[in-house]
Amino acid sequence: MKTYMAKKEAMAHNWVHVDATDKVLGRLATRIAMVLMGKHRPTYTPHVETGDCVVVTNVTKIRVTGRKATQKQYKHFTGYPGGLREVPYKKMMEQKPEEILKLAVRRMLPKGALGNKMLSRLKIYTGTEHPHQAQTPADSAYLVGDKRG
């Protein structure tokens, strides 16, 4: 019995569409990260890009549980002394709602060049329309069938 190792040239990336309406942020982000990494396939190989491309729409209608809507802070450091910046969830949702999901997914992907390449296959849009109709993205049962929210 030999171990299967996927080759970069042999991988075909499918397109998956996700409607984020009334989905919980963290639960949706974990499922998107799994699809981007390719862990939903039996041909998953850790060092090869085996995942699919994901198109997410209606990201403005995403929800969070508990008190996260009022207490969650997004932090980044500018690089200067005293340069720690904090942006509350509500303000981030008003200004850059697509950035909230992107940050959640990015932190679940592997760090480094491979993770950056995986993240580049994530397309996030605030409305219902997206310019990827030519790729015919299918609704994934793995991503859409979240019964818990």
Protein backbone atom coordinates (compact mmCIF):
# COMPACT_ATOMS: atom_id res chain seq x y z
CA MET A 1 0.00 0.00 0.00
CA LYS A 2 1.49 3.34 -0.99
CA THR A 3 0.69 6.78 0.35
CA TYR A 4 -0.97 9.05 -2.21
CA MET A 5 0.71 12.43 -2.69
CA ALA A 6 -1.16 14.93 -4.84
CA LYS A 7 0.76 16.73 -7.58
CA LYS A 8 0.32 20.46 -8.11
CA GLU A 9 -0.24 20.00 -11.86
CA ALA A 10 -2.92 17.34 -11.42
CA MET A 11 -5.19 19.37 -9.14
CA ALA A 12 -8.33 20.95 -10.59
CA HIS A 13 -9.87 23.73 -8.51
CA ASN A 14 -13.66 23.81 -8.46
CA TRP A 15 -15.64 26.96 -7.65
CA VAL A 16 -18.00 27.01 -4.67
CA HIS A 17 -20.62 29.66 -3.88
CA VAL A 18 -21.71 30.45 -0.32
CA ASP A 19 -24.52 32.75 0.77
CA ALA A 20 -23.52 34.13 4.20
CA THR A 21 -27.02 35.28 5.13
CA ASP A 22 -27.73 34.44 8.81
CA LYS A 23 -24.60 32.28 9.14
CA VAL A 24 -22.46 32.47 12.30
CA LEU A 25 -19.08 34.04 11.55
CA GLY A 26 -16.79 31.48 13.19
CA ARG A 27 -18.65 28.40 12.00
CA LEU A 28 -18.72 29.66 8.43
CA ALA A 29 -15.04 30.66 8.55
CA THR A 30 -13.93 27.19 9.67
CA ARG A 31 -15.82 25.52 6.86
CA ILE A 32 -14.44 27.97 4.28
CA ALA A 33 -10.90 27.39 5.58
CA MET A 34 -11.34 23.61 5.26
CA VAL A 35 -12.50 23.95 1.64
CA LEU A 36 -9.64 26.35 0.78
CA MET A 37 -7.11 23.89 2.26
CA GLY A 38 -8.74 20.93 0.50
CA LYS A 39 -9.44 18.92 3.65
CA HIS A 40 -12.91 18.06 2.36
CA ARG A 41 -11.32 15.90 -0.35
CA PRO A 42 -9.77 12.44 0.01
CA THR A 43 -6.76 13.69 -2.01
CA TYR A 44 -5.73 16.24 0.66
CA THR A 45 -1.98 16.75 0.81
CA PRO A 46 -0.61 19.27 3.36
CA HIS A 47 2.09 20.81 1.16
CA VAL A 48 0.05 21.03 -2.08
CA GLU A 49 -2.76 23.42 -2.94
CA THR A 50 -5.63 20.90 -3.17
CA GLY A 51 -8.56 23.16 -2.21
CA ASP A 52 -11.30 24.89 -4.16
CA CYS A 53 -12.06 28.53 -4.90
CA VAL A 54 -14.79 30.00 -2.68
CA VAL A 55 -17.13 32.90 -3.54
CA VAL A 56 -19.00 34.37 -0.55
CA THR A 57 -21.93 36.77 -1.02
CA ASN A 58 -24.15 38.74 1.40
CA VAL A 59 -21.37 39.10 3.94
CA THR A 60 -23.14 42.13 5.47
CA LYS A 61 -25.85 39.76 6.78
CA ILE A 62 -23.41 37.56 8.71
CA ARG A 63 -24.03 37.30 12.45
CA VAL A 64 -22.09 36.72 15.64
CA THR A 65 -23.25 35.08 18.85
CA GLY A 66 -23.19 36.30 22.42
CA ARG A 67 -21.88 39.78 23.15
CA LYS A 68 -19.32 39.81 20.36
CA ALA A 69 -21.22 42.51 18.47
CA THR A 70 -20.47 44.98 21.27
CA GLN A 71 -17.27 43.61 22.82
CA LYS A 72 -15.12 42.25 19.97
CA GLN A 73 -12.10 44.38 18.99
CA TYR A 74 -9.92 44.07 15.88
CA LYS A 75 -6.33 45.00 16.72
CA HIS A 76 -3.36 45.83 14.51
CA PHE A 77 -0.01 47.43 15.16
CA THR A 78 1.25 50.26 12.94
CA GLY A 79 4.90 49.65 13.72
CA TYR A 80 5.39 52.92 15.56
CA PRO A 81 5.66 53.42 19.35
CA GLY A 82 2.15 53.57 20.80
CA GLY A 83 0.76 52.40 17.47
CA LEU A 84 -1.65 49.72 18.65
CA ARG A 85 -4.97 50.41 16.92
CA GLU A 86 -8.26 48.87 17.99
CA VAL A 87 -11.43 48.93 15.89
CA PRO A 88 -14.72 47.66 17.40
CA TYR A 89 -16.74 45.02 15.54
CA LYS A 90 -19.65 47.40 14.85
CA LYS A 91 -17.41 50.01 13.20
CA MET A 92 -15.59 47.36 11.18
CA MET A 93 -18.93 45.95 10.02
CA GLU A 94 -20.01 49.40 8.80
CA GLN A 95 -16.73 50.24 7.05
CA LYS A 96 -15.30 46.91 5.80
CA PRO A 97 -17.67 43.96 6.35
CA GLU A 98 -15.75 41.72 3.93
CA GLU A 99 -12.57 42.22 5.99
CA ILE A 100 -14.19 40.58 9.04
CA LEU A 101 -14.68 37.25 7.25
CA LYS A 102 -11.32 37.50 5.49
CA LEU A 103 -9.48 37.96 8.80
CA ALA A 104 -11.37 35.06 10.41
CA VAL A 105 -10.51 32.70 7.54
CA ARG A 106 -6.90 33.92 7.20
CA ARG A 107 -6.15 33.11 10.83
CA MET A 108 -7.35 29.52 10.29
CA LEU A 109 -5.18 28.85 7.24
CA PRO A 110 -1.53 27.74 7.34
CA LYS A 111 0.96 30.55 7.73
CA GLY A 112 3.38 31.34 4.91
CA ALA A 113 3.34 31.30 1.14
CA LEU A 114 0.93 28.36 0.81
CA GLY A 115 -1.62 29.99 3.13
CA ASN A 116 -1.35 33.26 1.20
CA LYS A 117 -2.02 31.39 -2.04
CA MET A 118 -5.04 29.67 -0.48
CA LEU A 119 -6.42 32.99 0.75
CA SER A 120 -6.11 34.48 -2.74
CA ARG A 121 -8.77 31.95 -3.88
CA LEU A 122 -11.32 33.43 -1.45
CA LYS A 123 -13.60 36.03 -3.07
CA ILE A 124 -15.88 38.01 -0.74
CA TYR A 125 -18.70 40.35 -1.80
CA THR A 126 -21.12 42.44 0.27
CA GLY A 127 -24.11 42.10 -2.06
CA THR A 128 -25.76 39.23 -3.90
CA GLU A 129 -23.98 39.85 -7.21
CA HIS A 130 -20.48 38.64 -8.06
CA PRO A 131 -18.37 38.65 -11.27
CA HIS A 132 -17.59 34.91 -11.19
CA GLN A 133 -20.67 33.58 -13.01
CA ALA A 134 -18.47 32.30 -15.86
CA GLN A 135 -16.77 29.84 -13.49
CA THR A 136 -20.22 28.40 -12.62
CA PRO A 137 -19.74 28.15 -8.86
CA ALA A 138 -21.83 25.36 -7.32
CA ASP A 139 -23.50 25.54 -3.91
CA SER A 140 -21.49 23.24 -1.70
CA ALA A 141 -23.52 21.00 0.60
CA TYR A 142 -20.53 21.02 2.96
CA LEU A 143 -20.69 24.80 3.35
CA VAL A 144 -24.41 25.43 2.96
CA GLY A 145 -25.70 22.56 5.12
CA ASP A 146 -24.83 24.16 8.46
CA LYS A 147 -27.85 23.26 10.58
CA ARG A 148 -26.64 25.09 13.70
CA GLY A 149 -26.63 28.51 12.08
